[in-house]
Amino acid sequence: LGTSATSFALEKNGGYSLVTESYSASLTKEGLLSSLKFAGQKELLESPLTLCLYRPPTENDGIKTFPLSTQEGKAFNAWIEHGLDQLVLESLDLKADGGSFTSRHRIKTSLGSELGTFEQRWTFFDKKLHLQVVISLNTVVDDYPRIGLSCALNKRWSSLKWFGLGPVENYPDRRAGCIVDEYRSTVHELYVPYIVPQDYGERTQVRYLDLFDGDKGRIRFASMKHFAFSLQKFTQTELWEKLHADMLVQSANNHLYLDSKVRGVGTATCGPDTLDRYRIGSGVYRLEFVISSV
């Protein structure tokens, strides 16, 4: 991966920054990556890269246009009850050591649920960044929609290429017609216009994901382990609150999700839910990336 970078500088806001010949990076005082800019390129991030355990429910997860009282047994009840869309990370440990930064957080929600721990280890090399994530979840929630990371991107980062399943969206229980190959697309082409807004556009069994800014910018997320991703032009709140596709308002940013696991979608609108092997329960989940300008 190269030579480890020099140590961090402590910023006035309590965060940390680091500059090499190839890039500059910043971390919040909580240890979340908040800025990344490779030499000769524009800034990537509009919000910190952080934990994400939620997706806007699909119609199979639960029918939001019906009263919740009629949705007994639907997957999305627990997601709403525990507030998975409102995570709170409580810092347990932070440590900067040369070109490495480790952090450990307790995972809570704004509704008071305590879900487990979130650990990160960043190693900053001269030309690349290495990220290792360990997410340990308890049994408070027994069926999660996703386990991964999310961030907002500047809208200039709207083109992409990936090596994995495609070309159309695919989920763990909905991918038999997809082929592993290298694909190119844009955030607009990834959009699936479901009449009732919901999660969309996941790609699974991905080996690397390249993002392009339409100019000279190119950033790669590569992993030795398969991961999943989606890139969306609407916020999760917008997809959940709006009841019809023509009501959707595009976000000021694009929204990237990098997933260790995503739940299957099943057929529970009018049939059985996804099989047990496509659900996500308690346990330990990992993500690992090398981030570079290729």
Protein backbone atom coordinates (compact mmCIF):
# COMPACT_ATOMS: atom_id res chain seq x y z
CA LEU A 1 0.00 0.00 0.00
CA GLY A 2 2.99 2.28 0.34
CA THR A 3 4.65 4.22 3.12
CA SER A 4 2.61 5.28 6.14
CA ALA A 5 1.86 8.99 6.20
CA THR A 6 3.08 11.42 8.83
CA SER A 7 1.11 12.18 12.00
CA PHE A 8 -2.10 14.19 12.28
CA ALA A 9 -2.51 17.87 13.04
CA LEU A 10 -5.09 18.77 15.69
CA GLU A 11 -7.57 21.36 14.45
CA LYS A 12 -9.24 24.13 16.48
CA ASN A 13 -12.62 22.39 16.18
CA GLY A 14 -11.19 19.27 17.84
CA GLY A 15 -10.87 17.35 14.58
CA TYR A 16 -7.78 16.02 12.87
CA SER A 17 -6.18 16.70 9.50
CA LEU A 18 -3.42 15.13 7.45
CA VAL A 19 -1.73 16.13 4.20
CA THR A 20 0.44 14.02 1.89
CA GLU A 21 1.75 14.73 -1.60
CA SER A 22 -1.21 12.77 -3.02
CA TYR A 23 -4.18 13.91 -0.92
CA SER A 24 -5.49 15.79 2.08
CA ALA A 25 -7.91 14.27 4.59
CA SER A 26 -9.78 15.37 7.70
CA LEU A 27 -11.49 13.54 10.53
CA THR A 28 -14.10 14.92 12.91
CA LYS A 29 -13.38 14.96 16.64
CA GLU A 30 -15.45 11.75 16.74
CA GLY A 31 -13.08 10.09 14.26
CA LEU A 32 -15.29 10.13 11.14
CA LEU A 33 -13.77 10.96 7.75
CA SER A 34 -15.16 14.40 6.89
CA SER A 35 -12.97 15.53 3.98
CA LEU A 36 -11.01 13.81 1.23
CA LYS A 37 -9.37 15.58 -1.66
CA PHE A 38 -6.79 13.98 -3.93
CA ALA A 39 -4.19 16.15 -5.65
CA GLY A 40 -5.63 17.92 -8.69
CA GLN A 41 -9.18 16.86 -7.81
CA LYS A 42 -12.20 18.40 -6.13
CA GLU A 43 -13.49 17.62 -2.63
CA LEU A 44 -15.43 14.35 -2.43
CA LEU A 45 -17.43 14.58 0.79
CA GLU A 46 -20.32 16.83 1.76
CA SER A 47 -20.95 14.94 5.02
CA PRO A 48 -18.83 12.56 7.14
CA LEU A 49 -18.60 8.90 6.23
CA THR A 50 -20.57 7.24 9.02
CA LEU A 51 -22.49 4.15 10.08
CA CYS A 52 -25.80 3.35 8.35
CA LEU A 53 -28.27 0.62 9.43
CA TYR A 54 -31.37 1.82 7.57
CA ARG A 55 -32.94 1.86 4.14
CA PRO A 56 -36.20 3.55 3.11
CA PRO A 57 -38.60 0.59 3.29
CA THR A 58 -39.63 -1.09 0.08
CA GLU A 59 -43.30 -1.90 -0.40
CA ASN A 60 -42.41 -5.48 0.55
CA ASP A 61 -40.90 -4.28 3.84
CA GLY A 62 -44.21 -2.61 4.67
CA ILE A 63 -46.83 -0.50 2.92
CA LYS A 64 -46.39 3.08 4.12
CA THR A 65 -49.55 4.29 2.37
CA PHE A 66 -51.61 2.08 4.73
CA PRO A 67 -52.14 2.84 8.45
CA LEU A 68 -49.32 1.32 10.52
CA SER A 69 -51.98 -0.45 12.58
CA THR A 70 -52.67 -2.63 9.53
CA GLN A 71 -49.00 -3.58 9.07
CA GLU A 72 -48.54 -6.09 11.87
CA GLY A 73 -45.67 -8.49 11.21
CA LYS A 74 -44.04 -6.28 8.56
CA ALA A 75 -40.27 -5.87 8.63
CA PHE A 76 -40.30 -2.09 8.81
CA ASN A 77 -42.11 -1.96 12.17
CA ALA A 78 -38.93 -2.64 14.16
CA TRP A 79 -36.94 -0.16 12.03
CA ILE A 80 -39.46 2.58 12.86
CA GLU A 81 -39.89 1.53 16.50
CA HIS A 82 -36.16 1.70 17.22
CA GLY A 83 -35.39 4.70 14.98
CA LEU A 84 -32.76 3.07 12.79
CA ASP A 85 -32.77 6.17 10.60
CA GLN A 86 -31.60 8.29 13.54
CA LEU A 87 -28.37 6.74 14.78
CA VAL A 88 -26.31 8.35 17.53
CA LEU A 89 -22.63 7.39 17.91
CA GLU A 90 -21.30 7.74 21.46
CA SER A 91 -17.51 7.88 21.54
CA LEU A 92 -15.82 5.21 23.66
CA ASP A 93 -12.21 5.45 22.49
CA LEU A 94 -10.11 7.51 20.06
CA LYS A 95 -6.44 7.05 19.30
CA ALA A 96 -4.14 8.71 16.77
CA ASP A 97 -0.80 6.98 16.28
CA GLY A 98 1.44 8.19 13.47
CA GLY A 99 -0.49 7.66 10.24
CA SER A 100 -3.19 5.50 11.88
CA PHE A 101 -6.40 6.50 13.62
CA THR A 102 -8.69 4.15 15.53
CA SER A 103 -12.10 4.91 17.01
CA ARG A 104 -14.73 2.93 18.86
CA HIS A 105 -18.32 4.03 19.39
CA ARG A 106 -21.41 2.78 21.12
CA ILE A 107 -24.35 2.64 18.68
CA LYS A 108 -27.57 4.21 19.92
CA THR A 109 -30.62 5.76 18.32
CA SER A 110 -32.35 9.03 19.14
CA LEU A 111 -35.24 6.95 20.54
CA GLY A 112 -33.00 5.39 23.16
CA SER A 113 -32.19 1.96 21.72
CA GLU A 114 -28.65 0.69 22.26
CA LEU A 115 -27.59 -1.58 19.39
CA GLY A 116 -23.89 -2.46 19.77
CA THR A 117 -20.52 -1.01 18.80
CA PHE A 118 -18.93 0.56 15.73
CA GLU A 119 -15.14 0.37 15.33
CA GLN A 120 -12.94 1.95 12.65
CA ARG A 121 -9.24 1.77 11.91
CA TRP A 122 -7.92 4.23 9.35
CA THR A 123 -4.38 3.87 8.04
CA PHE A 124 -3.18 6.77 5.90
CA PHE A 125 -0.45 5.86 3.42
CA ASP A 126 1.36 8.26 1.16
CA LYS A 127 -0.92 7.62 -1.84
CA LYS A 128 -3.85 5.59 -0.45
CA LEU A 129 -6.14 5.23 2.55
CA HIS A 130 -6.98 1.91 4.17
CA LEU A 131 -10.19 1.51 6.18
CA GLN A 132 -11.20 -1.43 8.37
CA VAL A 133 -14.65 -1.43 10.00
CA VAL A 134 -16.12 -3.81 12.56
CA ILE A 135 -19.83 -3.48 13.44
CA SER A 136 -21.01 -5.61 16.37
CA LEU A 137 -24.80 -5.71 16.81
CA ASN A 138 -26.75 -7.06 19.76
CA THR A 139 -30.20 -8.69 19.72
CA VAL A 140 -32.31 -5.56 20.36
CA VAL A 141 -33.22 -5.59 16.65
CA ASP A 142 -33.44 -9.03 15.07
CA ASP A 143 -33.87 -8.02 11.42
CA TYR A 144 -31.88 -5.10 10.00
CA PRO A 145 -32.38 -3.55 6.54
CA ARG A 146 -28.67 -2.89 5.93
CA ILE A 147 -25.28 -2.82 7.63
CA GLY A 148 -22.81 -0.38 6.17
CA LEU A 149 -21.57 3.17 5.75
CA SER A 150 -23.05 6.26 4.17
CA CYS A 151 -22.08 9.80 3.23
CA ALA A 152 -23.23 12.71 1.09
CA LEU A 153 -21.17 13.52 -2.00
CA ASN A 154 -20.89 16.73 -3.92
CA LYS A 155 -23.18 16.43 -6.95
CA ARG A 156 -20.21 16.72 -9.32
CA TRP A 157 -19.49 13.09 -8.35
CA SER A 158 -22.38 11.69 -10.41
CA SER A 159 -20.73 9.15 -12.74
CA LEU A 160 -19.50 5.74 -11.67
CA LYS A 161 -18.06 2.41 -12.69
CA TRP A 162 -18.16 -0.84 -10.75
CA PHE A 163 -17.05 -4.43 -11.06
CA GLY A 164 -19.75 -6.66 -9.68
CA LEU A 165 -23.29 -7.77 -10.41
CA GLY A 166 -25.30 -5.70 -12.89
CA PRO A 167 -26.36 -4.01 -14.98
CA VAL A 168 -29.73 -3.60 -13.21
CA GLU A 169 -30.38 -3.24 -9.48
CA ASN A 170 -29.98 -6.44 -7.50
CA TYR A 171 -30.50 -7.60 -3.93
CA PRO A 172 -29.44 -10.85 -2.19
CA ASP A 173 -32.70 -12.58 -3.14
CA ARG A 174 -33.19 -10.76 -6.46
CA ARG A 175 -30.08 -11.23 -8.62
CA ALA A 176 -30.34 -14.47 -10.62
CA GLY A 177 -30.56 -12.50 -13.87
CA CYS A 178 -27.44 -10.42 -13.21
CA ILE A 179 -23.90 -11.04 -14.41
CA VAL A 180 -20.55 -10.10 -12.84
CA ASP A 181 -18.86 -7.62 -15.16
CA GLU A 182 -17.59 -4.05 -15.28
CA TYR A 183 -20.40 -1.53 -15.69
CA ARG A 184 -20.67 2.23 -16.12
CA SER A 185 -23.60 4.43 -15.18
CA THR A 186 -24.68 7.75 -13.66
CA VAL A 187 -26.64 8.59 -10.55
CA HIS A 188 -29.61 9.49 -12.78
CA GLU A 189 -29.48 6.18 -14.67
CA LEU A 190 -29.37 4.24 -11.41
CA TYR A 191 -32.74 5.68 -10.34
CA VAL A 192 -35.66 3.23 -10.47
CA PRO A 193 -38.95 5.19 -10.65
CA TYR A 194 -41.16 3.08 -8.40
CA ILE A 195 -44.62 4.64 -8.22
CA VAL A 196 -44.40 4.65 -4.43
CA PRO A 197 -40.92 5.98 -3.47
CA GLN A 198 -38.73 3.44 -1.68
CA ASP A 199 -35.18 2.13 -1.58
CA TYR A 200 -33.71 1.40 -5.01
CA GLY A 201 -30.57 0.81 -7.02
CA GLU A 202 -28.52 -1.60 -4.90
CA ARG A 203 -25.66 -3.50 -6.59
CA THR A 204 -24.16 -6.53 -4.85
CA GLN A 205 -21.05 -8.74 -5.04
CA VAL A 206 -18.98 -5.67 -5.89
CA ARG A 207 -15.16 -5.79 -5.95
CA TYR A 208 -14.49 -2.11 -6.66
CA LEU A 209 -16.40 1.10 -7.21
CA ASP A 210 -14.99 4.11 -9.10
CA LEU A 211 -16.54 7.57 -8.75
CA PHE A 212 -15.96 10.32 -11.34
CA ASP A 213 -16.52 14.06 -11.07
CA GLY A 214 -16.95 14.75 -14.78
CA ASP A 215 -13.52 16.38 -14.99
CA LYS A 216 -10.23 14.83 -13.88
CA GLY A 217 -11.51 13.41 -10.63
CA ARG A 218 -11.61 9.66 -10.03
CA ILE A 219 -11.71 7.86 -6.67
CA ARG A 220 -11.79 4.10 -6.19
CA PHE A 221 -13.17 2.07 -3.28
CA ALA A 222 -11.66 -1.40 -3.64
CA SER A 223 -12.06 -4.43 -1.39
CA MET A 224 -10.84 -8.01 -1.23
CA LYS A 225 -14.28 -8.88 0.20
CA HIS A 226 -17.50 -8.47 -1.74
CA PHE A 227 -19.54 -5.44 -0.77
CA ALA A 228 -22.71 -3.77 -2.02
CA PHE A 229 -23.41 -0.15 -2.85
CA SER A 230 -26.04 2.28 -4.00
CA LEU A 231 -25.77 5.89 -5.16
CA GLN A 232 -28.99 7.88 -4.88
CA LYS A 233 -30.09 11.40 -5.74
CA PHE A 234 -32.71 11.60 -2.98
CA THR A 235 -32.31 11.61 0.79
CA GLN A 236 -33.64 8.68 2.79
CA THR A 237 -36.15 11.05 4.43
CA GLU A 238 -37.45 12.15 1.03
CA LEU A 239 -37.91 8.56 -0.15
CA TRP A 240 -39.76 7.66 3.05
CA GLU A 241 -42.01 10.70 3.43
CA LYS A 242 -43.18 11.20 -0.14
CA LEU A 243 -46.07 8.97 -1.25
CA HIS A 244 -45.72 9.25 -5.03
CA ALA A 245 -42.74 9.47 -7.36
CA ASP A 246 -43.82 12.77 -8.89
CA MET A 247 -43.58 14.39 -5.44
CA LEU A 248 -39.87 13.65 -5.01
CA VAL A 249 -37.43 16.56 -4.82
CA GLN A 250 -33.79 15.84 -5.62
CA SER A 251 -31.27 16.42 -2.87
CA ALA A 252 -28.59 19.11 -3.09
CA ASN A 253 -26.10 16.20 -2.83
CA ASN A 254 -25.73 12.62 -3.99
CA HIS A 255 -25.91 9.91 -1.33
CA LEU A 256 -23.51 6.97 -1.27
CA TYR A 257 -24.09 3.73 0.65
CA LEU A 258 -21.34 1.13 1.06
CA ASP A 259 -22.79 -2.04 2.54
CA SER A 260 -21.44 -5.14 4.20
CA LYS A 261 -24.93 -6.67 4.09
CA VAL A 262 -28.33 -5.70 2.71
CA ARG A 263 -31.60 -7.42 3.47
CA GLY A 264 -33.45 -9.28 0.75
CA VAL A 265 -36.68 -7.72 -0.48
CA GLY A 266 -39.00 -10.75 -0.51
CA THR A 267 -42.59 -10.54 -1.75
CA ALA A 268 -44.43 -9.54 1.44
CA THR A 269 -46.65 -6.95 -0.24
CA CYS A 270 -48.90 -9.83 -1.26
CA GLY A 271 -46.91 -12.98 -0.41
CA PRO A 272 -44.17 -14.37 1.84
CA ASP A 273 -41.33 -12.28 3.18
CA THR A 274 -37.73 -12.94 2.20
CA LEU A 275 -36.21 -16.23 3.36
CA ASP A 276 -34.28 -16.35 6.64
CA ARG A 277 -30.95 -16.63 4.84
CA TYR A 278 -31.52 -13.22 3.24
CA ARG A 279 -32.27 -11.47 6.55
CA ILE A 280 -29.74 -9.66 8.74
CA GLY A 281 -29.68 -10.45 12.43
CA SER A 282 -27.34 -9.71 15.32
CA GLY A 283 -23.65 -10.53 14.95
CA VAL A 284 -20.33 -9.10 13.80
CA TYR A 285 -20.04 -7.50 10.35
CA ARG A 286 -16.96 -6.16 8.61
CA LEU A 287 -16.01 -3.82 5.78
CA GLU A 288 -12.55 -3.13 4.41
CA PHE A 289 -11.53 -0.68 1.69
CA VAL A 290 -8.48 0.70 -0.01
CA ILE A 291 -9.34 4.20 -1.22
CA SER A 292 -7.19 5.72 -3.96
CA SER A 293 -7.23 7.97 -6.99
CA VAL A 294 -6.32 4.93 -9.15
